[in-house]
């Protein structure tokens, strides 16, 4: 077992066995655990198991809790190279970008009947505007502490989002994973 990363929500390990590799995720953030973050991920992975997406997704092997009661999932590791290792000066990324774009488009076709289906720690929202407003307020203190983004740019983004919330009037909701990074890897 070797550590991959410790993010703001999960600690992630690679588990190597004689025949396969796995990814072990332990959610250590209390507010996200209260919201059932790994239960949501496990449910999504179960629903999509065996589907033929452009980019493969991992298989959920097991879910449970650590001895300390923290949520944990074990998923299959995906074959191939990491994005960080592929992106080097001079590399042509158009093919990879198209493949990722196609996958994201496929993923967003997975519509949900209920906006709140995966939320466990609060009352349901009436519509997307109330949903987005809740999360904008929830995340504002974290955004204000960001040192890698100018506060003026954060304020501009917040103002833009609030001004355009009325445009979201869908009756069914798609999966969105807006924070694709090394610590938020799916496999």
N, C-alpha and C. Protein backbone atom coordinates (compact mmCIF):
# COMPACT_ATOMS: atom_id res chain seq x y z
N UNK A 1 0.86 -1.18 0.00
CA UNK A 1 0.00 0.00 0.00
C UNK A 1 0.90 1.22 0.00
N UNK A 2 0.68 2.12 -0.97
CA UNK A 2 1.48 3.34 -1.01
C UNK A 2 0.57 4.56 -1.18
N UNK A 3 0.89 5.65 -0.48
CA UNK A 3 0.05 6.85 -0.58
C UNK A 3 0.16 7.50 -1.96
N UNK A 4 -0.96 7.99 -2.46
CA UNK A 4 -0.97 8.77 -3.70
C UNK A 4 -1.03 10.25 -3.33
N UNK A 5 -2.04 10.62 -2.53
CA UNK A 5 -2.18 12.01 -2.13
C UNK A 5 -3.14 12.13 -0.95
N UNK A 6 -3.02 13.24 -0.24
CA UNK A 6 -4.01 13.59 0.77
C UNK A 6 -4.59 14.92 0.35
N UNK A 7 -5.84 14.89 -0.06
CA UNK A 7 -6.51 16.10 -0.50
C UNK A 7 -7.32 16.70 0.63
N UNK A 8 -8.13 17.68 0.28
CA UNK A 8 -8.94 18.36 1.29
C UNK A 8 -10.06 17.47 1.81
N UNK A 9 -10.44 16.45 1.05
CA UNK A 9 -11.54 15.56 1.43
C UNK A 9 -11.10 14.12 1.63
N UNK A 10 -10.28 13.60 0.72
CA UNK A 10 -9.89 12.19 0.75
C UNK A 10 -8.39 12.00 0.90
N UNK A 11 -8.04 10.90 1.55
CA UNK A 11 -6.68 10.39 1.50
C UNK A 11 -6.75 9.18 0.57
N UNK A 12 -5.85 9.14 -0.42
CA UNK A 12 -5.94 8.13 -1.47
C UNK A 12 -4.66 7.31 -1.51
N UNK A 13 -4.83 5.99 -1.57
CA UNK A 13 -3.71 5.05 -1.61
C UNK A 13 -3.81 4.16 -2.83
N UNK A 14 -2.67 3.69 -3.33
CA UNK A 14 -2.63 2.63 -4.34
C UNK A 14 -2.34 1.34 -3.59
N UNK A 15 -3.15 0.33 -3.85
CA UNK A 15 -2.98 -0.99 -3.23
C UNK A 15 -2.54 -1.94 -4.33
N UNK A 16 -1.32 -2.44 -4.24
CA UNK A 16 -0.78 -3.36 -5.25
C UNK A 16 -0.89 -4.79 -4.71
N UNK A 17 -1.46 -5.67 -5.54
CA UNK A 17 -1.50 -7.08 -5.19
C UNK A 17 -0.71 -7.83 -6.27
N UNK A 18 -0.63 -9.13 -6.16
CA UNK A 18 0.11 -9.91 -7.16
C UNK A 18 -0.51 -9.82 -8.55
N UNK A 19 -1.85 -9.70 -8.61
CA UNK A 19 -2.46 -9.72 -9.93
C UNK A 19 -3.07 -8.38 -10.38
N UNK A 20 -3.43 -7.51 -9.45
CA UNK A 20 -4.10 -6.25 -9.83
C UNK A 20 -3.72 -5.13 -8.88
N UNK A 21 -4.00 -3.90 -9.33
CA UNK A 21 -3.85 -2.72 -8.49
C UNK A 21 -5.24 -2.17 -8.18
N UNK A 22 -5.36 -1.54 -7.01
CA UNK A 22 -6.62 -0.94 -6.57
C UNK A 22 -6.34 0.45 -6.03
N UNK A 23 -7.40 1.23 -5.91
CA UNK A 23 -7.33 2.54 -5.29
C UNK A 23 -8.19 2.50 -4.04
N UNK A 24 -7.62 2.93 -2.93
CA UNK A 24 -8.32 2.98 -1.64
C UNK A 24 -8.52 4.44 -1.29
N UNK A 25 -9.76 4.86 -1.12
CA UNK A 25 -10.07 6.24 -0.76
C UNK A 25 -10.68 6.26 0.63
N UNK A 26 -10.13 7.11 1.47
CA UNK A 26 -10.67 7.31 2.82
C UNK A 26 -11.06 8.78 2.94
N UNK A 27 -12.32 9.02 3.22
CA UNK A 27 -12.80 10.40 3.36
C UNK A 27 -12.61 10.85 4.80
N UNK A 28 -11.81 11.91 4.98
CA UNK A 28 -11.47 12.35 6.33
C UNK A 28 -12.10 13.68 6.71
N UNK A 29 -12.87 14.28 5.82
CA UNK A 29 -13.43 15.60 6.10
C UNK A 29 -14.85 15.47 6.65
N UNK A 30 -15.04 15.93 7.87
CA UNK A 30 -16.29 15.70 8.60
C UNK A 30 -17.53 16.21 7.86
N UNK A 31 -17.48 17.43 7.33
CA UNK A 31 -18.66 17.97 6.66
C UNK A 31 -19.01 17.17 5.40
N UNK A 32 -18.00 16.70 4.67
CA UNK A 32 -18.25 15.91 3.47
C UNK A 32 -18.73 14.50 3.83
N UNK A 33 -18.24 13.98 4.94
CA UNK A 33 -18.72 12.67 5.40
C UNK A 33 -20.17 12.75 5.82
N UNK A 34 -20.53 13.83 6.47
CA UNK A 34 -21.92 14.04 6.87
C UNK A 34 -22.83 14.03 5.64
N UNK A 35 -22.32 14.56 4.54
CA UNK A 35 -23.07 14.58 3.29
C UNK A 35 -22.98 13.30 2.49
N UNK A 36 -22.21 12.32 2.98
CA UNK A 36 -22.14 11.02 2.32
C UNK A 36 -21.37 11.03 1.01
N UNK A 37 -20.28 11.78 0.96
CA UNK A 37 -19.55 11.97 -0.29
C UNK A 37 -19.10 10.65 -0.94
N UNK A 38 -18.55 9.73 -0.16
CA UNK A 38 -18.12 8.46 -0.77
C UNK A 38 -19.30 7.54 -1.09
N UNK A 39 -20.39 7.66 -0.35
CA UNK A 39 -21.59 6.88 -0.69
C UNK A 39 -22.11 7.31 -2.05
N UNK A 40 -22.05 8.63 -2.31
CA UNK A 40 -22.49 9.15 -3.61
C UNK A 40 -21.61 8.58 -4.73
N UNK A 41 -20.29 8.65 -4.51
CA UNK A 41 -19.37 8.15 -5.53
C UNK A 41 -19.58 6.66 -5.77
N UNK A 42 -19.77 5.90 -4.70
CA UNK A 42 -20.00 4.46 -4.84
C UNK A 42 -21.28 4.18 -5.62
N UNK A 43 -22.32 4.94 -5.34
CA UNK A 43 -23.60 4.74 -6.04
C UNK A 43 -23.44 5.02 -7.54
N UNK A 44 -22.74 6.10 -7.87
CA UNK A 44 -22.53 6.45 -9.28
C UNK A 44 -21.72 5.37 -9.98
N UNK A 45 -20.66 4.88 -9.33
CA UNK A 45 -19.84 3.84 -9.93
C UNK A 45 -20.63 2.55 -10.14
N UNK A 46 -21.49 2.20 -9.17
CA UNK A 46 -22.33 1.00 -9.32
C UNK A 46 -23.27 1.15 -10.52
N UNK A 47 -23.89 2.32 -10.63
CA UNK A 47 -24.84 2.55 -11.72
C UNK A 47 -24.18 2.44 -13.09
N UNK A 48 -22.91 2.79 -13.17
CA UNK A 48 -22.24 2.82 -14.47
C UNK A 48 -21.32 1.64 -14.71
N UNK A 49 -21.33 0.72 -13.81
CA UNK A 49 -20.51 -0.48 -13.96
C UNK A 49 -20.90 -1.21 -15.24
N UNK A 50 -19.92 -1.53 -16.06
CA UNK A 50 -20.17 -2.30 -17.27
C UNK A 50 -20.59 -1.48 -18.47
N UNK A 51 -20.83 -0.17 -18.30
CA UNK A 51 -21.20 0.66 -19.45
C UNK A 51 -19.95 0.97 -20.25
N UNK A 52 -20.11 1.11 -21.53
CA UNK A 52 -18.97 1.30 -22.42
C UNK A 52 -18.74 2.78 -22.69
N UNK A 53 -18.13 3.48 -21.74
CA UNK A 53 -17.82 4.90 -21.92
C UNK A 53 -16.55 5.05 -22.74
N UNK A 54 -16.36 6.22 -23.34
CA UNK A 54 -15.17 6.51 -24.12
C UNK A 54 -13.91 6.33 -23.28
N UNK A 55 -13.98 6.77 -22.04
CA UNK A 55 -12.89 6.59 -21.09
C UNK A 55 -13.41 5.62 -20.03
N UNK A 56 -12.69 4.55 -19.73
CA UNK A 56 -13.18 3.59 -18.74
C UNK A 56 -13.28 4.21 -17.36
N UNK A 57 -14.23 3.74 -16.59
CA UNK A 57 -14.35 4.18 -15.20
C UNK A 57 -14.04 2.98 -14.30
N UNK A 58 -13.60 3.24 -13.09
CA UNK A 58 -13.25 2.13 -12.20
C UNK A 58 -14.48 1.35 -11.72
N UNK A 59 -14.21 0.16 -11.24
CA UNK A 59 -15.25 -0.70 -10.69
C UNK A 59 -15.18 -0.61 -9.17
N UNK A 60 -16.33 -0.44 -8.55
CA UNK A 60 -16.38 -0.44 -7.08
C UNK A 60 -16.21 -1.87 -6.60
N UNK A 61 -15.19 -2.10 -5.78
CA UNK A 61 -14.92 -3.42 -5.24
C UNK A 61 -15.56 -3.59 -3.87
N UNK A 62 -15.44 -2.55 -3.04
CA UNK A 62 -15.93 -2.63 -1.65
C UNK A 62 -16.14 -1.24 -1.10
N UNK A 63 -17.09 -1.09 -0.20
CA UNK A 63 -17.25 0.16 0.54
C UNK A 63 -17.59 -0.18 1.98
N UNK A 64 -17.14 0.67 2.89
CA UNK A 64 -17.38 0.45 4.31
C UNK A 64 -16.81 1.59 5.12
N UNK A 65 -16.29 1.25 6.30
CA UNK A 65 -15.73 2.25 7.20
C UNK A 65 -14.42 1.74 7.79
N UNK A 66 -13.54 2.69 8.14
CA UNK A 66 -12.31 2.33 8.82
C UNK A 66 -12.65 2.01 10.28
N UNK A 67 -11.68 1.55 11.03
CA UNK A 67 -11.90 1.29 12.46
C UNK A 67 -12.33 2.55 13.20
N UNK A 68 -11.89 3.70 12.72
CA UNK A 68 -12.25 4.97 13.34
C UNK A 68 -13.59 5.51 12.84
N UNK A 69 -14.24 4.75 11.95
CA UNK A 69 -15.56 5.13 11.45
C UNK A 69 -15.55 6.02 10.21
N UNK A 70 -14.39 6.24 9.62
CA UNK A 70 -14.33 7.07 8.41
C UNK A 70 -14.78 6.26 7.20
N UNK A 71 -15.57 6.87 6.30
CA UNK A 71 -16.00 6.16 5.09
C UNK A 71 -14.82 5.82 4.20
N UNK A 72 -14.89 4.65 3.57
CA UNK A 72 -13.81 4.19 2.71
C UNK A 72 -14.40 3.41 1.53
N UNK A 73 -13.78 3.54 0.35
CA UNK A 73 -14.13 2.70 -0.79
C UNK A 73 -12.85 2.14 -1.38
N UNK A 74 -12.98 0.97 -1.97
CA UNK A 74 -11.90 0.33 -2.71
C UNK A 74 -12.41 0.16 -4.14
N UNK A 75 -11.66 0.72 -5.09
CA UNK A 75 -12.06 0.64 -6.50
C UNK A 75 -10.90 0.11 -7.32
N UNK A 76 -11.23 -0.40 -8.51
CA UNK A 76 -10.18 -0.90 -9.39
C UNK A 76 -9.33 0.27 -9.88
N UNK A 77 -8.04 0.04 -10.01
CA UNK A 77 -7.17 1.05 -10.60
C UNK A 77 -7.25 0.93 -12.11
N UNK A 78 -7.17 2.03 -12.78
CA UNK A 78 -7.23 2.01 -14.23
C UNK A 78 -5.83 1.87 -14.81
N UNK A 79 -5.75 1.18 -15.93
CA UNK A 79 -4.48 1.00 -16.63
C UNK A 79 -4.11 2.29 -17.34
N UNK A 80 -2.86 2.45 -17.64
CA UNK A 80 -2.45 3.58 -18.46
C UNK A 80 -1.59 4.57 -17.70
N UNK A 81 -1.30 5.67 -18.38
CA UNK A 81 -0.43 6.68 -17.82
C UNK A 81 -1.25 7.79 -17.20
N UNK A 82 -0.66 8.45 -16.21
CA UNK A 82 -1.31 9.58 -15.58
C UNK A 82 -1.22 10.80 -16.48
N UNK A 83 -2.21 11.68 -16.39
CA UNK A 83 -2.22 12.91 -17.19
C UNK A 83 -0.94 13.70 -16.93
N UNK A 84 -0.54 13.79 -15.65
CA UNK A 84 0.66 14.55 -15.31
C UNK A 84 1.89 14.03 -16.04
N UNK A 85 1.95 12.72 -16.28
CA UNK A 85 3.10 12.13 -16.96
C UNK A 85 3.05 12.29 -18.47
N UNK A 86 1.85 12.46 -19.01
CA UNK A 86 1.68 12.59 -20.45
C UNK A 86 1.91 14.01 -20.95
N UNK A 87 1.54 14.99 -20.13
CA UNK A 87 1.63 16.38 -20.56
C UNK A 87 3.03 16.92 -20.37
N UNK A 88 3.75 16.92 -21.45
CA UNK A 88 5.14 17.38 -21.44
C UNK A 88 5.29 18.43 -22.54
N UNK A 89 6.28 19.29 -22.45
CA UNK A 89 6.47 20.28 -23.51
C UNK A 89 6.56 19.62 -24.88
N UNK A 90 5.85 20.20 -25.84
CA UNK A 90 5.90 19.70 -27.21
C UNK A 90 4.91 18.59 -27.52
N UNK A 91 4.18 18.11 -26.54
CA UNK A 91 3.23 17.01 -26.77
C UNK A 91 1.97 17.56 -27.46
N UNK A 92 1.41 16.81 -28.38
CA UNK A 92 0.19 17.20 -29.09
C UNK A 92 -1.00 16.64 -28.30
N UNK A 93 -1.82 17.51 -27.76
CA UNK A 93 -2.87 17.08 -26.84
C UNK A 93 -4.27 17.06 -27.47
N UNK A 94 -4.40 17.37 -28.74
CA UNK A 94 -5.73 17.48 -29.34
C UNK A 94 -6.52 16.17 -29.25
N UNK A 95 -5.89 15.04 -29.54
CA UNK A 95 -6.59 13.74 -29.50
C UNK A 95 -7.08 13.44 -28.09
N UNK A 96 -6.22 13.65 -27.10
CA UNK A 96 -6.62 13.40 -25.71
C UNK A 96 -7.74 14.35 -25.30
N UNK A 97 -7.65 15.60 -25.73
CA UNK A 97 -8.70 16.58 -25.41
C UNK A 97 -10.04 16.20 -26.00
N UNK A 98 -10.02 15.72 -27.24
CA UNK A 98 -11.28 15.29 -27.88
C UNK A 98 -11.89 14.08 -27.15
N UNK A 99 -11.02 13.15 -26.75
CA UNK A 99 -11.50 11.96 -26.05
C UNK A 99 -12.11 12.34 -24.70
N UNK A 100 -11.44 13.24 -23.97
CA UNK A 100 -11.97 13.71 -22.69
C UNK A 100 -13.28 14.45 -22.90
N UNK A 101 -13.34 15.29 -23.93
CA UNK A 101 -14.58 16.02 -24.22
C UNK A 101 -15.74 15.09 -24.53
N UNK A 102 -15.46 14.04 -25.31
CA UNK A 102 -16.51 13.06 -25.64
C UNK A 102 -17.00 12.35 -24.38
N UNK A 103 -16.05 11.98 -23.51
CA UNK A 103 -16.43 11.31 -22.26
C UNK A 103 -17.30 12.23 -21.40
N UNK A 104 -16.90 13.49 -21.27
CA UNK A 104 -17.67 14.43 -20.45
C UNK A 104 -19.08 14.58 -21.02
N UNK A 105 -19.18 14.65 -22.35
CA UNK A 105 -20.51 14.75 -22.98
C UNK A 105 -21.35 13.50 -22.68
N UNK A 106 -20.73 12.32 -22.76
CA UNK A 106 -21.44 11.08 -22.43
C UNK A 106 -21.91 11.10 -20.97
N UNK A 107 -21.00 11.51 -20.11
CA UNK A 107 -21.29 11.50 -18.67
C UNK A 107 -22.45 12.44 -18.35
N UNK A 108 -22.52 13.58 -19.02
CA UNK A 108 -23.56 14.55 -18.73
C UNK A 108 -24.92 14.15 -19.29
N UNK A 109 -24.97 13.09 -20.09
CA UNK A 109 -26.25 12.56 -20.55
C UNK A 109 -26.93 11.75 -19.45
N UNK A 110 -26.22 11.43 -18.40
CA UNK A 110 -26.77 10.63 -17.31
C UNK A 110 -27.62 11.51 -16.41
N UNK A 111 -28.85 11.66 -16.80
CA UNK A 111 -29.74 12.59 -16.10
C UNK A 111 -30.34 11.97 -14.84
N UNK A 112 -30.57 12.82 -13.86
CA UNK A 112 -31.18 12.42 -12.59
C UNK A 112 -32.56 13.05 -12.52
N UNK A 113 -33.51 12.30 -11.97
CA UNK A 113 -34.86 12.83 -11.79
C UNK A 113 -34.91 13.85 -10.67
N UNK A 114 -34.10 13.62 -9.63
CA UNK A 114 -34.14 14.50 -8.46
C UNK A 114 -32.80 15.20 -8.29
N UNK A 115 -32.85 16.49 -8.12
CA UNK A 115 -31.65 17.28 -7.89
C UNK A 115 -30.93 16.85 -6.62
N UNK A 116 -31.68 16.44 -5.61
CA UNK A 116 -31.13 16.14 -4.29
C UNK A 116 -30.85 14.67 -4.06
N UNK A 117 -30.88 13.86 -5.07
CA UNK A 117 -30.80 12.42 -4.90
C UNK A 117 -29.61 11.96 -4.06
N UNK A 118 -28.48 12.62 -4.21
CA UNK A 118 -27.27 12.18 -3.51
C UNK A 118 -27.01 12.96 -2.22
N UNK A 119 -27.84 13.93 -1.91
CA UNK A 119 -27.59 14.76 -0.73
C UNK A 119 -28.22 14.12 0.51
N UNK A 120 -27.42 13.95 1.55
CA UNK A 120 -27.90 13.25 2.74
C UNK A 120 -28.01 14.14 3.96
N UNK A 121 -27.39 15.32 3.93
CA UNK A 121 -27.24 16.09 5.16
C UNK A 121 -28.04 17.39 5.20
N UNK A 122 -29.05 17.54 4.35
CA UNK A 122 -29.85 18.75 4.38
C UNK A 122 -31.18 18.53 3.68
N UNK A 123 -32.07 19.51 3.81
CA UNK A 123 -33.39 19.43 3.18
C UNK A 123 -33.26 19.58 1.66
N UNK A 124 -34.23 19.03 0.91
CA UNK A 124 -34.18 19.14 -0.55
C UNK A 124 -34.29 20.59 -1.03
N UNK A 125 -33.74 20.86 -2.19
CA UNK A 125 -33.84 22.17 -2.81
C UNK A 125 -35.00 22.17 -3.79
N UNK A 126 -35.60 23.33 -3.98
CA UNK A 126 -36.73 23.45 -4.90
C UNK A 126 -36.29 23.42 -6.36
N UNK A 127 -35.14 24.00 -6.62
CA UNK A 127 -34.67 24.13 -8.01
C UNK A 127 -33.16 24.37 -8.01
N UNK A 128 -32.60 24.50 -9.21
CA UNK A 128 -31.16 24.68 -9.32
C UNK A 128 -30.69 25.99 -8.71
N UNK A 129 -31.47 27.03 -8.82
CA UNK A 129 -31.06 28.33 -8.27
C UNK A 129 -30.83 28.22 -6.76
N UNK A 130 -31.74 27.57 -6.05
CA UNK A 130 -31.55 27.44 -4.60
C UNK A 130 -30.40 26.49 -4.28
N UNK A 131 -30.24 25.46 -5.10
CA UNK A 131 -29.13 24.51 -4.94
C UNK A 131 -27.79 25.24 -5.11
N UNK A 132 -27.64 25.94 -6.22
CA UNK A 132 -26.39 26.65 -6.50
C UNK A 132 -26.13 27.75 -5.47
N UNK A 133 -27.17 28.47 -5.09
CA UNK A 133 -27.00 29.55 -4.10
C UNK A 133 -26.51 28.99 -2.77
N UNK A 134 -27.04 27.85 -2.38
CA UNK A 134 -26.60 27.20 -1.14
C UNK A 134 -25.11 26.89 -1.19
N UNK A 135 -24.66 26.26 -2.30
CA UNK A 135 -23.25 25.87 -2.40
C UNK A 135 -22.33 27.05 -2.60
N UNK A 136 -22.80 28.09 -3.29
CA UNK A 136 -21.99 29.30 -3.42
C UNK A 136 -21.72 29.92 -2.04
N UNK A 137 -22.75 29.95 -1.22
CA UNK A 137 -22.59 30.50 0.14
C UNK A 137 -21.70 29.59 0.99
N UNK A 138 -21.91 28.29 0.87
CA UNK A 138 -21.15 27.29 1.64
C UNK A 138 -19.65 27.37 1.35
N UNK A 139 -19.32 27.56 0.07
CA UNK A 139 -17.91 27.55 -0.35
C UNK A 139 -17.25 28.92 -0.32
N UNK A 140 -18.01 29.97 -0.08
CA UNK A 140 -17.43 31.32 -0.11
C UNK A 140 -16.27 31.52 0.87
N UNK A 141 -16.37 31.05 2.12
CA UNK A 141 -15.22 31.22 3.03
C UNK A 141 -13.96 30.54 2.52
N UNK A 142 -14.11 29.37 1.91
CA UNK A 142 -12.95 28.67 1.36
C UNK A 142 -12.36 29.46 0.19
N UNK A 143 -13.23 29.98 -0.67
CA UNK A 143 -12.76 30.78 -1.81
C UNK A 143 -12.04 32.04 -1.33
N UNK A 144 -12.51 32.64 -0.26
CA UNK A 144 -11.88 33.86 0.25
C UNK A 144 -10.49 33.59 0.83
N UNK A 145 -10.21 32.35 1.16
CA UNK A 145 -8.89 31.99 1.69
C UNK A 145 -7.92 31.58 0.59
N UNK A 146 -8.43 31.45 -0.63
CA UNK A 146 -7.57 31.00 -1.75
C UNK A 146 -6.45 32.00 -1.98
N UNK A 147 -5.24 31.50 -2.04
CA UNK A 147 -4.10 32.39 -2.27
C UNK A 147 -3.61 32.31 -3.72
N UNK A 148 -4.07 31.31 -4.47
CA UNK A 148 -3.62 31.13 -5.84
C UNK A 148 -4.53 31.80 -6.87
N UNK A 149 -5.62 32.43 -6.39
CA UNK A 149 -6.54 33.14 -7.28
C UNK A 149 -6.78 34.53 -6.69
N UNK A 150 -6.76 35.53 -7.54
CA UNK A 150 -7.00 36.90 -7.08
C UNK A 150 -8.43 37.01 -6.55
N UNK A 151 -8.60 37.66 -5.41
CA UNK A 151 -9.93 37.81 -4.82
C UNK A 151 -10.87 38.56 -5.76
N UNK A 152 -10.33 39.50 -6.53
CA UNK A 152 -11.13 40.24 -7.50
C UNK A 152 -11.73 39.27 -8.53
N UNK A 153 -10.94 38.26 -8.95
CA UNK A 153 -11.43 37.28 -9.92
C UNK A 153 -12.50 36.37 -9.30
N UNK A 154 -12.32 36.03 -8.05
CA UNK A 154 -13.33 35.22 -7.36
C UNK A 154 -14.64 36.00 -7.27
N UNK A 155 -14.55 37.28 -6.89
CA UNK A 155 -15.75 38.10 -6.79
C UNK A 155 -16.44 38.23 -8.15
N UNK A 156 -15.64 38.42 -9.21
CA UNK A 156 -16.20 38.52 -10.57
C UNK A 156 -16.95 37.24 -10.93
N UNK A 157 -16.35 36.09 -10.63
CA UNK A 157 -16.99 34.80 -10.92
C UNK A 157 -18.29 34.66 -10.13
N UNK A 158 -18.26 34.98 -8.84
CA UNK A 158 -19.48 34.90 -8.01
C UNK A 158 -20.58 35.79 -8.57
N UNK A 159 -20.23 37.03 -8.93
CA UNK A 159 -21.22 37.96 -9.47
C UNK A 159 -21.81 37.43 -10.78
N UNK A 160 -20.96 36.88 -11.64
CA UNK A 160 -21.41 36.34 -12.93
C UNK A 160 -22.38 35.18 -12.71
N UNK A 161 -22.01 34.26 -11.81
CA UNK A 161 -22.87 33.10 -11.54
C UNK A 161 -24.22 33.54 -11.00
N UNK A 162 -24.20 34.43 -10.00
CA UNK A 162 -25.47 34.90 -9.41
C UNK A 162 -26.35 35.58 -10.47
N UNK A 163 -25.73 36.36 -11.34
CA UNK A 163 -26.48 37.08 -12.38
C UNK A 163 -27.15 36.12 -13.36
N UNK A 164 -26.56 34.94 -13.58
CA UNK A 164 -27.06 34.03 -14.61
C UNK A 164 -27.77 32.77 -14.07
N UNK A 165 -28.02 32.71 -12.79
CA UNK A 165 -28.68 31.52 -12.24
C UNK A 165 -30.07 31.29 -12.83
N UNK A 166 -30.73 32.33 -13.24
CA UNK A 166 -32.08 32.19 -13.80
C UNK A 166 -32.10 31.37 -15.11
N UNK A 167 -30.94 31.21 -15.72
CA UNK A 167 -30.87 30.46 -16.98
C UNK A 167 -30.99 28.95 -16.79
N UNK A 168 -30.79 28.49 -15.57
CA UNK A 168 -30.83 27.05 -15.29
C UNK A 168 -32.25 26.64 -14.89
N UNK A 169 -32.97 26.05 -15.82
CA UNK A 169 -34.36 25.67 -15.54
C UNK A 169 -34.67 24.24 -15.97
N UNK A 170 -33.62 23.40 -16.06
CA UNK A 170 -33.83 22.00 -16.44
C UNK A 170 -34.72 21.28 -15.43
N UNK A 171 -35.44 20.30 -15.92
CA UNK A 171 -36.28 19.48 -15.05
C UNK A 171 -35.53 18.23 -14.59
N UNK A 172 -34.45 17.87 -15.30
CA UNK A 172 -33.62 16.72 -14.93
C UNK A 172 -32.18 17.20 -14.86
N UNK A 173 -31.39 16.58 -14.00
CA UNK A 173 -30.06 17.08 -13.70
C UNK A 173 -28.99 16.08 -14.08
N UNK A 174 -27.90 16.57 -14.65
CA UNK A 174 -26.82 15.68 -15.04
C UNK A 174 -25.75 15.62 -13.96
N UNK A 175 -24.92 14.57 -14.02
CA UNK A 175 -23.75 14.49 -13.15
C UNK A 175 -22.76 15.57 -13.58
N UNK A 176 -22.17 16.24 -12.64
CA UNK A 176 -21.13 17.20 -12.96
C UNK A 176 -19.99 17.00 -11.97
N UNK A 177 -18.79 16.83 -12.49
CA UNK A 177 -17.61 16.76 -11.64
C UNK A 177 -16.70 17.86 -12.12
N UNK A 178 -16.78 19.01 -11.44
CA UNK A 178 -16.08 20.20 -11.93
C UNK A 178 -14.66 20.31 -11.42
N UNK A 179 -14.26 19.41 -10.57
CA UNK A 179 -12.94 19.53 -9.95
C UNK A 179 -12.11 18.29 -10.30
N UNK A 180 -11.75 18.16 -11.57
CA UNK A 180 -10.97 17.01 -12.00
C UNK A 180 -9.50 17.31 -11.74
N UNK A 181 -8.95 16.62 -10.78
CA UNK A 181 -7.55 16.84 -10.41
C UNK A 181 -6.96 15.54 -9.89
N UNK A 182 -5.68 15.58 -9.60
CA UNK A 182 -4.99 14.39 -9.11
C UNK A 182 -5.65 13.85 -7.84
N UNK A 183 -6.06 14.74 -6.93
CA UNK A 183 -6.64 14.27 -5.68
C UNK A 183 -8.10 13.85 -5.83
N UNK A 184 -8.72 14.20 -6.94
CA UNK A 184 -10.10 13.82 -7.17
C UNK A 184 -10.23 12.79 -8.28
N UNK A 185 -9.19 12.00 -8.48
CA UNK A 185 -9.21 11.01 -9.53
C UNK A 185 -10.31 9.98 -9.28
N UNK A 186 -10.87 9.48 -10.36
CA UNK A 186 -11.87 8.42 -10.25
C UNK A 186 -11.23 7.04 -10.25
N UNK A 187 -9.95 6.94 -10.49
CA UNK A 187 -9.34 5.63 -10.50
C UNK A 187 -7.85 5.71 -10.43
